[in-house]
Amino acid sequence: MTGAAVRPGHGRDLDKPLYTIGIAADILATTTRTLMMYEHFGLVVPRRSGNNRRLFSERDILSISAIERLMQGRGLNLAGARYVTECLQLLDANGIPRPVGLADVDVNQSPGGLRLDT
């Protein structure tokens, strides 16, 4: 489950559902089962196509990548990564500086799909 460094294109709609679960797994260098587990725990909520296929946006990919970096790079479990992302979003939403060691974590989307940065 190694998260790849993902850099979205400038000026693109980060919320547009583009990637099927297989493509998203390839981009993130993980498995489809892992992505389904993240969805089950509310860490990401992909949109569904007309035939009920999961579609991930670039923002979803960035969020998953941040969660995986927290888990692998900082030794957190899934619950810890979720808690840290929620705390970072609250700090960002209220204009409070982040701790130095977490300044590089991108938390564009909160767990469960509830956006705090709108």
PDB file of N, CA and C in Angstrom:
ATOM      1  N   MET A   1       0.818  -1.191   0.000  1.00  0.00           N
ATOM      2  CA  MET A   1       0.000   0.000   0.000  1.00  0.00           C
ATOM      3  C   MET A   1       0.860   1.251   0.000  1.00  0.00           C
ATOM      4  N   THR A   2       1.650   1.458  -0.981  1.00  0.00           N
ATOM      5  CA  THR A   2       2.451   2.661  -1.037  1.00  0.00           C
ATOM      6  C   THR A   2       1.723   3.724  -1.817  1.00  0.00           C
ATOM      7  N   GLY A   3       1.574   4.895  -1.227  1.00  0.00           N
ATOM      8  CA  GLY A   3       0.883   5.984  -1.901  1.00  0.00           C
ATOM      9  C   GLY A   3       1.812   6.700  -2.864  1.00  0.00           C
ATOM     10  N   ALA A   4       1.380   6.917  -4.048  1.00  0.00           N
ATOM     11  CA  ALA A   4       2.179   7.615  -5.045  1.00  0.00           C
ATOM     12  C   ALA A   4       2.016   9.117  -4.871  1.00  0.00           C
ATOM     13  N   ALA A   5       3.044   9.851  -5.247  1.00  0.00           N
ATOM     14  CA  ALA A   5       2.941  11.301  -5.221  1.00  0.00           C
ATOM     15  C   ALA A   5       2.038  11.720  -6.374  1.00  0.00           C
ATOM     16  N   VAL A   6       0.957  12.382  -6.047  1.00  0.00           N
ATOM     17  CA  VAL A   6      -0.026  12.761  -7.052  1.00  0.00           C
ATOM     18  C   VAL A   6      -0.067  14.269  -7.139  1.00  0.00           C
ATOM     19  N   ARG A   7       0.017  14.792  -8.356  1.00  0.00           N
ATOM     20  CA  ARG A   7      -0.043  16.237  -8.561  1.00  0.00           C
ATOM     21  C   ARG A   7      -1.084  16.533  -9.621  1.00  0.00           C
ATOM     22  N   PRO A   8      -2.215  17.081  -9.207  1.00  0.00           N
ATOM     23  CA  PRO A   8      -3.261  17.375 -10.180  1.00  0.00           C
ATOM     24  C   PRO A   8      -2.872  18.525 -11.087  1.00  0.00           C
ATOM     25  N   GLY A   9      -3.475  18.550 -12.267  1.00  0.00           N
ATOM     26  CA  GLY A   9      -3.211  19.616 -13.228  1.00  0.00           C
ATOM     27  C   GLY A   9      -3.790  20.931 -12.754  1.00  0.00           C
ATOM     28  N   HIS A  10      -3.165  21.989 -13.186  1.00  0.00           N
ATOM     29  CA  HIS A  10      -3.636  23.315 -12.798  1.00  0.00           C
ATOM     30  C   HIS A  10      -4.916  23.655 -13.548  1.00  0.00           C
ATOM     31  N   GLY A  11      -5.872  24.273 -12.866  1.00  0.00           N
ATOM     32  CA  GLY A  11      -7.090  24.731 -13.495  1.00  0.00           C
ATOM     33  C   GLY A  11      -8.112  23.648 -13.768  1.00  0.00           C
ATOM     34  N   ARG A  12      -7.861  22.439 -13.310  1.00  0.00           N
ATOM     35  CA  ARG A  12      -8.822  21.364 -13.547  1.00  0.00           C
ATOM     36  C   ARG A  12      -9.771  21.265 -12.359  1.00  0.00           C
ATOM     37  N   ASP A  13     -10.945  20.704 -12.631  1.00  0.00           N
ATOM     38  CA  ASP A  13     -11.948  20.490 -11.594  1.00  0.00           C
ATOM     39  C   ASP A  13     -11.548  19.270 -10.773  1.00  0.00           C
ATOM     40  N   LEU A  14     -11.077  19.488  -9.551  1.00  0.00           N
ATOM     41  CA  LEU A  14     -10.619  18.395  -8.701  1.00  0.00           C
ATOM     42  C   LEU A  14     -11.753  17.492  -8.241  1.00  0.00           C
ATOM     43  N   ASP A  15     -12.995  17.954  -8.345  1.00  0.00           N
ATOM     44  CA  ASP A  15     -14.128  17.170  -7.863  1.00  0.00           C
ATOM     45  C   ASP A  15     -14.822  16.358  -8.951  1.00  0.00           C
ATOM     46  N   LYS A  16     -14.371  16.480 -10.178  1.00  0.00           N
ATOM     47  CA  LYS A  16     -14.995  15.741 -11.274  1.00  0.00           C
ATOM     48  C   LYS A  16     -14.655  14.257 -11.150  1.00  0.00           C
ATOM     49  N   PRO A  17     -15.673  13.386 -11.095  1.00  0.00           N
ATOM     50  CA  PRO A  17     -15.411  11.949 -10.973  1.00  0.00           C
ATOM     51  C   PRO A  17     -14.853  11.396 -12.287  1.00  0.00           C
ATOM     52  N   LEU A  18     -13.596  10.956 -12.251  1.00  0.00           N
ATOM     53  CA  LEU A  18     -12.906  10.544 -13.462  1.00  0.00           C
ATOM     54  C   LEU A  18     -12.467   9.083 -13.475  1.00  0.00           C
ATOM     55  N   TYR A  19     -12.063   8.572 -12.337  1.00  0.00           N
ATOM     56  CA  TYR A  19     -11.342   7.309 -12.292  1.00  0.00           C
ATOM     57  C   TYR A  19     -12.181   6.179 -11.698  1.00  0.00           C
ATOM     58  N   THR A  20     -12.201   5.042 -12.381  1.00  0.00           N
ATOM     59  CA  THR A  20     -12.838   3.863 -11.803  1.00  0.00           C
ATOM     60  C   THR A  20     -11.957   3.360 -10.667  1.00  0.00           C
ATOM     61  N   ILE A  21     -12.459   2.441  -9.894  1.00  0.00           N
ATOM     62  CA  ILE A  21     -11.711   1.955  -8.735  1.00  0.00           C
ATOM     63  C   ILE A  21     -10.399   1.290  -9.149  1.00  0.00           C
ATOM     64  N   GLY A  22     -10.394   0.600 -10.283  1.00  0.00           N
ATOM     65  CA  GLY A  22      -9.171  -0.039 -10.748  1.00  0.00           C
ATOM     66  C   GLY A  22      -8.103   0.965 -11.131  1.00  0.00           C
ATOM     67  N   ILE A  23      -8.502   2.018 -11.824  1.00  0.00           N
ATOM     68  CA  ILE A  23      -7.558   3.072 -12.215  1.00  0.00           C
ATOM     69  C   ILE A  23      -7.066   3.820 -10.978  1.00  0.00           C
ATOM     70  N   ALA A  24      -7.970   4.129 -10.055  1.00  0.00           N
ATOM     71  CA  ALA A  24      -7.575   4.813  -8.820  1.00  0.00           C
ATOM     72  C   ALA A  24      -6.566   3.969  -8.040  1.00  0.00           C
ATOM     73  N   ALA A  25      -6.799   2.669  -7.979  1.00  0.00           N
ATOM     74  CA  ALA A  25      -5.868   1.775  -7.282  1.00  0.00           C
ATOM     75  C   ALA A  25      -4.498   1.788  -7.962  1.00  0.00           C
ATOM     76  N   ASP A  26      -4.480   1.807  -9.286  1.00  0.00           N
ATOM     77  CA  ASP A  26      -3.211   1.872 -10.018  1.00  0.00           C
ATOM     78  C   ASP A  26      -2.481   3.183  -9.730  1.00  0.00           C
ATOM     79  N   ILE A  27      -3.197   4.295  -9.754  1.00  0.00           N
ATOM     80  CA  ILE A  27      -2.588   5.599  -9.494  1.00  0.00           C
ATOM     81  C   ILE A  27      -1.963   5.625  -8.099  1.00  0.00           C
ATOM     82  N   LEU A  28      -2.669   5.053  -7.133  1.00  0.00           N
ATOM     83  CA  LEU A  28      -2.217   5.076  -5.737  1.00  0.00           C
ATOM     84  C   LEU A  28      -1.298   3.914  -5.379  1.00  0.00           C
ATOM     85  N   ALA A  29      -1.068   3.018  -6.320  1.00  0.00           N
ATOM     86  CA  ALA A  29      -0.241   1.829  -6.083  1.00  0.00           C
ATOM     87  C   ALA A  29      -0.763   1.033  -4.884  1.00  0.00           C
ATOM     88  N   THR A  30      -2.067   0.802  -4.885  1.00  0.00           N
ATOM     89  CA  THR A  30      -2.708   0.042  -3.821  1.00  0.00           C
ATOM     90  C   THR A  30      -3.677  -0.944  -4.464  1.00  0.00           C
ATOM     91  N   THR A  31      -4.527  -1.547  -3.680  1.00  0.00           N
ATOM     92  CA  THR A  31      -5.487  -2.520  -4.209  1.00  0.00           C
ATOM     93  C   THR A  31      -6.896  -1.937  -4.193  1.00  0.00           C
ATOM     94  N   THR A  32      -7.755  -2.517  -5.023  1.00  0.00           N
ATOM     95  CA  THR A  32      -9.148  -2.085  -5.017  1.00  0.00           C
ATOM     96  C   THR A  32      -9.791  -2.397  -3.675  1.00  0.00           C
ATOM     97  N   ARG A  33      -9.395  -3.486  -3.055  1.00  0.00           N
ATOM     98  CA  ARG A  33      -9.943  -3.849  -1.744  1.00  0.00           C
ATOM     99  C   ARG A  33      -9.603  -2.783  -0.695  1.00  0.00           C
ATOM    100  N   THR A  34      -8.405  -2.256  -0.759  1.00  0.00           N
ATOM    101  CA  THR A  34      -8.013  -1.186   0.173  1.00  0.00           C
ATOM    102  C   THR A  34      -8.894   0.040  -0.026  1.00  0.00           C
ATOM    103  N   LEU A  35      -9.155   0.395  -1.278  1.00  0.00           N
ATOM    104  CA  LEU A  35     -10.015   1.550  -1.547  1.00  0.00           C
ATOM    105  C   LEU A  35     -11.438   1.297  -1.057  1.00  0.00           C
ATOM    106  N   MET A  36     -11.917   0.073  -1.205  1.00  0.00           N
ATOM    107  CA  MET A  36     -13.247  -0.256  -0.685  1.00  0.00           C
ATOM    108  C   MET A  36     -13.270  -0.176   0.838  1.00  0.00           C
ATOM    109  N   MET A  37     -12.168  -0.553   1.482  1.00  0.00           N
ATOM    110  CA  MET A  37     -12.079  -0.457   2.938  1.00  0.00           C
ATOM    111  C   MET A  37     -12.112   1.016   3.365  1.00  0.00           C
ATOM    112  N   TYR A  38     -11.370   1.874   2.649  1.00  0.00           N
ATOM    113  CA  TYR A  38     -11.400   3.304   2.959  1.00  0.00           C
ATOM    114  C   TYR A  38     -12.813   3.856   2.812  1.00  0.00           C
ATOM    115  N   GLU A  39     -13.507   3.416   1.789  1.00  0.00           N
ATOM    116  CA  GLU A  39     -14.892   3.846   1.599  1.00  0.00           C
ATOM    117  C   GLU A  39     -15.769   3.352   2.748  1.00  0.00           C
ATOM    118  N   HIS A  40     -15.590   2.101   3.139  1.00  0.00           N
ATOM    119  CA  HIS A  40     -16.382   1.521   4.227  1.00  0.00           C
ATOM    120  C   HIS A  40     -16.206   2.319   5.524  1.00  0.00           C
ATOM    121  N   PHE A  41     -14.976   2.764   5.797  1.00  0.00           N
ATOM    122  CA  PHE A  41     -14.704   3.521   7.013  1.00  0.00           C
ATOM    123  C   PHE A  41     -14.978   5.012   6.856  1.00  0.00           C
ATOM    124  N   GLY A  42     -15.490   5.429   5.698  1.00  0.00           N
ATOM    125  CA  GLY A  42     -15.873   6.821   5.504  1.00  0.00           C
ATOM    126  C   GLY A  42     -14.725   7.765   5.240  1.00  0.00           C
ATOM    127  N   LEU A  43     -13.552   7.239   4.892  1.00  0.00           N
ATOM    128  CA  LEU A  43     -12.410   8.103   4.618  1.00  0.00           C
ATOM    129  C   LEU A  43     -12.493   8.752   3.246  1.00  0.00           C
ATOM    130  N   VAL A  44     -13.231   8.144   2.358  1.00  0.00           N
ATOM    131  CA  VAL A  44     -13.461   8.684   1.029  1.00  0.00           C
ATOM    132  C   VAL A  44     -14.835   8.206   0.580  1.00  0.00           C
ATOM    133  N   VAL A  45     -15.534   9.073  -0.134  1.00  0.00           N
ATOM    134  CA  VAL A  45     -16.864   8.707  -0.633  1.00  0.00           C
ATOM    135  C   VAL A  45     -16.875   8.950  -2.143  1.00  0.00           C
ATOM    136  N   PRO A  46     -16.531   7.917  -2.920  1.00  0.00           N
ATOM    137  CA  PRO A  46     -16.551   8.112  -4.368  1.00  0.00           C
ATOM    138  C   PRO A  46     -17.977   8.264  -4.870  1.00  0.00           C
ATOM    139  N   ARG A  47     -18.118   8.969  -5.965  1.00  0.00           N
ATOM    140  CA  ARG A  47     -19.443   9.083  -6.576  1.00  0.00           C
ATOM    141  C   ARG A  47     -19.745   7.788  -7.301  1.00  0.00           C
ATOM    142  N   ARG A  48     -20.987   7.626  -7.692  1.00  0.00           N
ATOM    143  CA  ARG A  48     -21.399   6.424  -8.412  1.00  0.00           C
ATOM    144  C   ARG A  48     -21.885   6.804  -9.801  1.00  0.00           C
ATOM    145  N   SER A  49     -21.542   5.971 -10.779  1.00  0.00           N
ATOM    146  CA  SER A  49     -22.002   6.190 -12.147  1.00  0.00           C
ATOM    147  C   SER A  49     -23.429   5.670 -12.268  1.00  0.00           C
ATOM    148  N   GLY A  50     -24.016   5.844 -13.437  1.00  0.00           N
ATOM    149  CA  GLY A  50     -25.378   5.370 -13.677  1.00  0.00           C
ATOM    150  C   GLY A  50     -25.528   3.872 -13.481  1.00  0.00           C
ATOM    151  N   ASN A  51     -24.455   3.128 -13.726  1.00  0.00           N
ATOM    152  CA  ASN A  51     -24.516   1.681 -13.509  1.00  0.00           C
ATOM    153  C   ASN A  51     -23.868   1.280 -12.184  1.00  0.00           C
ATOM    154  N   ASN A  52     -23.794   2.229 -11.236  1.00  0.00           N
ATOM    155  CA  ASN A  52     -23.366   2.008  -9.849  1.00  0.00           C
ATOM    156  C   ASN A  52     -21.876   1.697  -9.695  1.00  0.00           C
ATOM    157  N   ARG A  53     -21.048   2.106 -10.639  1.00  0.00           N
ATOM    158  CA  ARG A  53     -19.605   1.920 -10.504  1.00  0.00           C
ATOM    159  C   ARG A  53     -19.024   3.083  -9.718  1.00  0.00           C
ATOM    160  N   ARG A  54     -18.052   2.785  -8.880  1.00  0.00           N
ATOM    161  CA  ARG A  54     -17.378   3.832  -8.115  1.00  0.00           C
ATOM    162  C   ARG A  54     -16.536   4.685  -9.059  1.00  0.00           C
ATOM    163  N   LEU A  55     -16.632   6.008  -8.890  1.00  0.00           N
ATOM    164  CA  LEU A  55     -15.817   6.943  -9.653  1.00  0.00           C
ATOM    165  C   LEU A  55     -15.126   7.895  -8.683  1.00  0.00           C
ATOM    166  N   PHE A  56     -13.814   7.935  -8.758  1.00  0.00           N
ATOM    167  CA  PHE A  56     -13.008   8.754  -7.865  1.00  0.00           C
ATOM    168  C   PHE A  56     -12.562  10.022  -8.581  1.00  0.00           C
ATOM    169  N   SER A  57     -12.547  11.124  -7.852  1.00  0.00           N
ATOM    170  CA  SER A  57     -12.070  12.398  -8.391  1.00  0.00           C
ATOM    171  C   SER A  57     -10.593  12.563  -8.031  1.00  0.00           C
ATOM    172  N   GLU A  58      -9.971  13.593  -8.599  1.00  0.00           N
ATOM    173  CA  GLU A  58      -8.589  13.885  -8.224  1.00  0.00           C
ATOM    174  C   GLU A  58      -8.498  14.270  -6.754  1.00  0.00           C
ATOM    175  N   ARG A  59      -9.527  14.947  -6.245  1.00  0.00           N
ATOM    176  CA  ARG A  59      -9.535  15.295  -4.820  1.00  0.00           C
ATOM    177  C   ARG A  59      -9.574  14.028  -3.957  1.00  0.00           C
ATOM    178  N   ASP A  60     -10.349  13.024  -4.390  1.00  0.00           N
ATOM    179  CA  ASP A  60     -10.374  11.740  -3.671  1.00  0.00           C
ATOM    180  C   ASP A  60      -8.984  11.109  -3.658  1.00  0.00           C
ATOM    181  N   ILE A  61      -8.315  11.143  -4.806  1.00  0.00           N
ATOM    182  CA  ILE A  61      -6.979  10.564  -4.923  1.00  0.00           C
ATOM    183  C   ILE A  61      -6.007  11.289  -3.993  1.00  0.00           C
ATOM    184  N   LEU A  62      -6.078  12.612  -3.965  1.00  0.00           N
ATOM    185  CA  LEU A  62      -5.209  13.393  -3.082  1.00  0.00           C
ATOM    186  C   LEU A  62      -5.481  13.079  -1.612  1.00  0.00           C
ATOM    187  N   SER A  63      -6.743  12.942  -1.252  1.00  0.00           N
ATOM    188  CA  SER A  63      -7.106  12.639   0.128  1.00  0.00           C
ATOM    189  C   SER A  63      -6.597  11.268   0.546  1.00  0.00           C
ATOM    190  N   ILE A  64      -6.778  10.291  -0.327  1.00  0.00           N
ATOM    191  CA  ILE A  64      -6.303   8.934  -0.016  1.00  0.00           C
ATOM    192  C   ILE A  64      -4.788   8.921   0.090  1.00  0.00           C
ATOM    193  N   SER A  65      -4.127   9.643  -0.793  1.00  0.00           N
ATOM    194  CA  SER A  65      -2.676   9.721  -0.757  1.00  0.00           C
ATOM    195  C   SER A  65      -2.194  10.316   0.565  1.00  0.00           C
ATOM    196  N   ALA A  66      -2.867  11.352   1.045  1.00  0.00           N
ATOM    197  CA  ALA A  66      -2.500  11.970   2.325  1.00  0.00           C
ATOM    198  C   ALA A  66      -2.705  10.994   3.471  1.00  0.00           C
ATOM    199  N   ILE A  67      -3.799  10.255   3.445  1.00  0.00           N
ATOM    200  CA  ILE A  67      -4.074   9.275   4.496  1.00  0.00           C
ATOM    201  C   ILE A  67      -3.008   8.195   4.500  1.00  0.00           C
ATOM    202  N   GLU A  68      -2.636   7.707   3.321  1.00  0.00           N
ATOM    203  CA  GLU A  68      -1.617   6.663   3.251  1.00  0.00           C
ATOM    204  C   GLU A  68      -0.255   7.173   3.714  1.00  0.00           C
ATOM    205  N   ARG A  69       0.071   8.436   3.408  1.00  0.00           N
ATOM    206  CA  ARG A  69       1.338   8.999   3.901  1.00  0.00           C
ATOM    207  C   ARG A  69       1.340   9.097   5.418  1.00  0.00           C
ATOM    208  N   LEU A  70       0.204   9.453   5.999  1.00  0.00           N
ATOM    209  CA  LEU A  70       0.120   9.500   7.463  1.00  0.00           C
ATOM    210  C   LEU A  70       0.309   8.118   8.070  1.00  0.00           C
ATOM    211  N   MET A  71      -0.297   7.130   7.452  1.00  0.00           N
ATOM    212  CA  MET A  71      -0.207   5.775   7.996  1.00  0.00           C
ATOM    213  C   MET A  71       1.194   5.201   7.830  1.00  0.00           C
ATOM    214  N   GLN A  72       1.793   5.390   6.675  1.00  0.00           N
ATOM    215  CA  GLN A  72       3.094   4.782   6.410  1.00  0.00           C
ATOM    216  C   GLN A  72       4.247   5.634   6.916  1.00  0.00           C
ATOM    217  N   GLY A  73       4.181   6.923   6.666  1.00  0.00           N
ATOM    218  CA  GLY A  73       5.291   7.793   7.021  1.00  0.00           C
ATOM    219  C   GLY A  73       5.331   8.184   8.479  1.00  0.00           C
ATOM    220  N   ARG A  74       4.184   8.173   9.111  1.00  0.00           N
ATOM    221  CA  ARG A  74       4.131   8.610  10.507  1.00  0.00           C
ATOM    222  C   ARG A  74       3.648   7.517  11.456  1.00  0.00           C
ATOM    223  N   GLY A  75       3.414   6.325  10.922  1.00  0.00           N
ATOM    224  CA  GLY A  75       3.106   5.175  11.764  1.00  0.00           C
ATOM    225  C   GLY A  75       1.714   5.160  12.373  1.00  0.00           C
ATOM    226  N   LEU A  76       0.774   5.887  11.783  1.00  0.00           N
ATOM    227  CA  LEU A  76      -0.581   5.896  12.322  1.00  0.00           C
ATOM    228  C   LEU A  76      -1.390   4.734  11.766  1.00  0.00           C
ATOM    229  N   ASN A  77      -2.389   4.320  12.523  1.00  0.00           N
ATOM    230  CA  ASN A  77      -3.347   3.357  11.981  1.00  0.00           C
ATOM    231  C   ASN A  77      -4.457   4.145  11.281  1.00  0.00           C
ATOM    232  N   LEU A  78      -5.438   3.432  10.749  1.00  0.00           N
ATOM    233  CA  LEU A  78      -6.499   4.076   9.974  1.00  0.00           C
ATOM    234  C   LEU A  78      -7.287   5.083  10.818  1.00  0.00           C
ATOM    235  N   ALA A  79      -7.615   4.720  12.038  1.00  0.00           N
ATOM    236  CA  ALA A  79      -8.362   5.624  12.912  1.00  0.00           C
ATOM    237  C   ALA A  79      -7.531   6.867  13.242  1.00  0.00           C
ATOM    238  N   GLY A  80      -6.244   6.678  13.472  1.00  0.00           N
ATOM    239  CA  GLY A  80      -5.368   7.806  13.768  1.00  0.00           C
ATOM    240  C   GLY A  80      -5.234   8.758  12.594  1.00  0.00           C
ATOM    241  N   ALA A  81      -5.116   8.186  11.389  1.00  0.00           N
ATOM    242  CA  ALA A  81      -5.014   9.014  10.186  1.00  0.00           C
ATOM    243  C   ALA A  81      -6.292   9.822   9.988  1.00  0.00           C
ATOM    244  N   ARG A  82      -7.420   9.200  10.235  1.00  0.00           N
ATOM    245  CA  ARG A  82      -8.697   9.907  10.111  1.00  0.00           C
ATOM    246  C   ARG A  82      -8.778  11.054  11.116  1.00  0.00           C
ATOM    247  N   TYR A  83      -8.394  10.788  12.346  1.00  0.00           N
ATOM    248  CA  TYR A  83      -8.432  11.807  13.386  1.00  0.00           C
ATOM    249  C   TYR A  83      -7.507  12.982  13.045  1.00  0.00           C
ATOM    250  N   VAL A  84      -6.302  12.689  12.584  1.00  0.00           N
ATOM    251  CA  VAL A  84      -5.350  13.744  12.241  1.00  0.00           C
ATOM    252  C   VAL A  84      -5.882  14.589  11.084  1.00  0.00           C
ATOM    253  N   THR A  85      -6.456  13.957  10.056  1.00  0.00           N
ATOM    254  CA  THR A  85      -6.989  14.737   8.934  1.00  0.00           C
ATOM    255  C   THR A  85      -8.129  15.640   9.389  1.00  0.00           C
ATOM    256  N   GLU A  86      -8.981  15.134  10.273  1.00  0.00           N
ATOM    257  CA  GLU A  86     -10.075  15.968  10.791  1.00  0.00           C
ATOM    258  C   GLU A  86      -9.526  17.151  11.580  1.00  0.00           C
ATOM    259  N   CYS A  87      -8.510  16.911  12.410  1.00  0.00           N
ATOM    260  CA  CYS A  87      -7.906  17.990  13.198  1.00  0.00           C
ATOM    261  C   CYS A  87      -7.231  19.027  12.298  1.00  0.00           C
ATOM    262  N   LEU A  88      -6.515  18.564  11.275  1.00  0.00           N
ATOM    263  CA  LEU A  88      -5.861  19.490  10.356  1.00  0.00           C
ATOM    264  C   LEU A  88      -6.875  20.341   9.615  1.00  0.00           C
ATOM    265  N   GLN A  89      -7.993  19.760   9.245  1.00  0.00           N
ATOM    266  CA  GLN A  89      -9.030  20.533   8.561  1.00  0.00           C
ATOM    267  C   GLN A  89      -9.620  21.592   9.472  1.00  0.00           C
ATOM    268  N   LEU A  90      -9.805  21.255  10.725  1.00  0.00           N
ATOM    269  CA  LEU A  90     -10.316  22.250  11.677  1.00  0.00           C
ATOM    270  C   LEU A  90      -9.314  23.380  11.866  1.00  0.00           C
ATOM    271  N   LEU A  91      -8.038  23.039  11.957  1.00  0.00           N
ATOM    272  CA  LEU A  91      -7.011  24.077  12.066  1.00  0.00           C
ATOM    273  C   LEU A  91      -7.033  24.988  10.840  1.00  0.00           C
ATOM    274  N   ASP A  92      -7.070  24.370   9.657  1.00  0.00           N
ATOM    275  CA  ASP A  92      -7.085  25.145   8.411  1.00  0.00           C
ATOM    276  C   ASP A  92      -8.327  26.029   8.311  1.00  0.00           C
ATOM    277  N   ALA A  93      -9.482  25.475   8.668  1.00  0.00           N
ATOM    278  CA  ALA A  93     -10.743  26.221   8.564  1.00  0.00           C
ATOM    279  C   ALA A  93     -10.773  27.428   9.493  1.00  0.00           C
ATOM    280  N   ASN A  94     -10.025  27.347  10.584  1.00  0.00           N
ATOM    281  CA  ASN A  94     -10.030  28.434  11.560  1.00  0.00           C
ATOM    282  C   ASN A  94      -8.777  29.298  11.496  1.00  0.00           C
ATOM    283  N   GLY A  95      -7.954  29.087  10.481  1.00  0.00           N
ATOM    284  CA  GLY A  95      -6.768  29.916  10.298  1.00  0.00           C
ATOM    285  C   GLY A  95      -5.692  29.708  11.344  1.00  0.00           C
ATOM    286  N   ILE A  96      -5.664  28.557  11.959  1.00  0.00           N
ATOM    287  CA  ILE A  96      -4.667  28.257  12.982  1.00  0.00           C
ATOM    288  C   ILE A  96      -3.496  27.533  12.320  1.00  0.00           C
ATOM    289  N   PRO A  97      -2.276  27.960  12.572  1.00  0.00           N
ATOM    290  CA  PRO A  97      -1.121  27.295  11.950  1.00  0.00           C
ATOM    291  C   PRO A  97      -1.027  25.820  12.360  1.00  0.00           C
ATOM    292  N   ARG A  98      -0.596  25.022  11.414  1.00  0.00           N
ATOM    293  CA  ARG A  98      -0.419  23.591  11.673  1.00  0.00           C
ATOM    294  C   ARG A  98       0.889  23.319  12.394  1.00  0.00           C
ATOM    295  N   PRO A  99       0.974  22.183  13.079  1.00  0.00           N
ATOM    296  CA  PRO A  99       2.277  21.781  13.621  1.00  0.00           C
ATOM    297  C   PRO A  99       3.268  21.594  12.470  1.00  0.00           C
ATOM    298  N   VAL A 100       4.515  21.913  12.701  1.00  0.00           N
ATOM    299  CA  VAL A 100       5.539  21.892  11.656  1.00  0.00           C
ATOM    300  C   VAL A 100       5.611  20.533  10.962  1.00  0.00           C
ATOM    301  N   GLY A 101       5.534  19.459  11.686  1.00  0.00           N
ATOM    302  CA  GLY A 101       5.661  18.130  11.112  1.00  0.00           C
ATOM    303  C   GLY A 101       4.494  17.713  10.236  1.00  0.00           C
ATOM    304  N   LEU A 102       3.395  18.463  10.263  1.00  0.00           N
ATOM    305  CA  LEU A 102       2.216  18.114   9.472  1.00  0.00           C
ATOM    306  C   LEU A 102       1.873  19.181   8.436  1.00  0.00           C
ATOM    307  N   ALA A 103       2.780  20.087   8.183  1.00  0.00           N
ATOM    308  CA  ALA A 103       2.520  21.176   7.249  1.00  0.00           C
ATOM    309  C   ALA A 103       2.335  20.687   5.818  1.00  0.00           C
ATOM    310  N   ASP A 104       2.917  19.533   5.470  1.00  0.00           N
ATOM    311  CA  ASP A 104       2.869  19.053   4.086  1.00  0.00           C
ATOM    312  C   ASP A 104       1.702  18.120   3.796  1.00  0.00           C
ATOM    313  N   VAL A 105       0.857  17.840   4.772  1.00  0.00           N
ATOM    314  CA  VAL A 105      -0.244  16.900   4.569  1.00  0.00           C
ATOM    315  C   VAL A 105      -1.414  17.625   3.922  1.00  0.00           C
ATOM    316  N   ASP A 106      -1.862  17.108   2.762  1.00  0.00           N
ATOM    317  CA  ASP A 106      -2.964  17.709   2.007  1.00  0.00           C
ATOM    318  C   ASP A 106      -4.276  17.080   2.462  1.00  0.00           C
ATOM    319  N   VAL A 107      -5.147  17.865   3.064  1.00  0.00           N
ATOM    320  CA  VAL A 107      -6.431  17.354   3.550  1.00  0.00           C
ATOM    321  C   VAL A 107      -7.561  18.135   2.903  1.00  0.00           C
ATOM    322  N   ASN A 108      -7.697  17.977   1.599  1.00  0.00           N
ATOM    323  CA  ASN A 108      -8.720  18.702   0.852  1.00  0.00           C
ATOM    324  C   ASN A 108     -10.116  18.225   1.160  1.00  0.00           C
ATOM    325  N   GLN A 109     -10.252  16.978   1.545  1.00  0.00           N
ATOM    326  CA  GLN A 109     -11.582  16.407   1.776  1.00  0.00           C
ATOM    327  C   GLN A 109     -11.573  15.720   3.130  1.00  0.00           C
ATOM    328  N   SER A 110     -12.606  15.945   3.893  1.00  0.00           N
ATOM    329  CA  SER A 110     -12.669  15.304   5.192  1.00  0.00           C
ATOM    330  C   SER A 110     -13.234  13.905   5.069  1.00  0.00           C
ATOM    331  N   PRO A 111     -12.991  13.044   6.060  1.00  0.00           N
ATOM    332  CA  PRO A 111     -13.587  11.725   6.051  1.00  0.00           C
ATOM    333  C   PRO A 111     -15.097  11.816   5.958  1.00  0.00           C
ATOM    334  N   GLY A 112     -15.668  10.910   5.227  1.00  0.00           N
ATOM    335  CA  GLY A 112     -17.105  10.884   5.060  1.00  0.00           C
ATOM    336  C   GLY A 112     -17.613  11.800   3.967  1.00  0.00           C
ATOM    337  N   GLY A 113     -16.718  12.489   3.303  1.00  0.00           N
ATOM    338  CA  GLY A 113     -17.126  13.328   2.180  1.00  0.00           C
ATOM    339  C   GLY A 113     -17.620  14.709   2.574  1.00  0.00           C
ATOM    340  N   LEU A 114     -17.641  15.038   3.860  1.00  0.00           N
ATOM    341  CA  LEU A 114     -18.086  16.346   4.311  1.00  0.00           C
ATOM    342  C   LEU A 114     -16.958  17.344   4.131  1.00  0.00           C
ATOM    343  N   ARG A 115     -17.130  18.323   3.297  1.00  0.00           N
ATOM    344  CA  ARG A 115     -16.082  19.281   3.029  1.00  0.00           C
ATOM    345  C   ARG A 115     -16.121  20.413   4.057  1.00  0.00           C
ATOM    346  N   LEU A 116     -14.976  20.695   4.622  1.00  0.00           N
ATOM    347  CA  LEU A 116     -14.864  21.796   5.558  1.00  0.00           C
ATOM    348  C   LEU A 116     -14.266  23.030   4.908  1.00  0.00           C
ATOM    349  N   ASP A 117     -13.706  22.887   3.701  1.00  0.00           N
ATOM    350  CA  ASP A 117     -12.976  23.988   3.091  1.00  0.00           C
ATOM    351  C   ASP A 117     -13.738  24.606   1.926  1.00  0.00           C
ATOM    352  N   THR A 118     -15.045  24.661   1.976  1.00  0.00           N
ATOM    353  CA  THR A 118     -15.815  25.183   0.857  1.00  0.00           C
ATOM    354  C   THR A 118     -15.880  26.677   0.830  1.00  0.00           C
TER     355      THR A 118
END
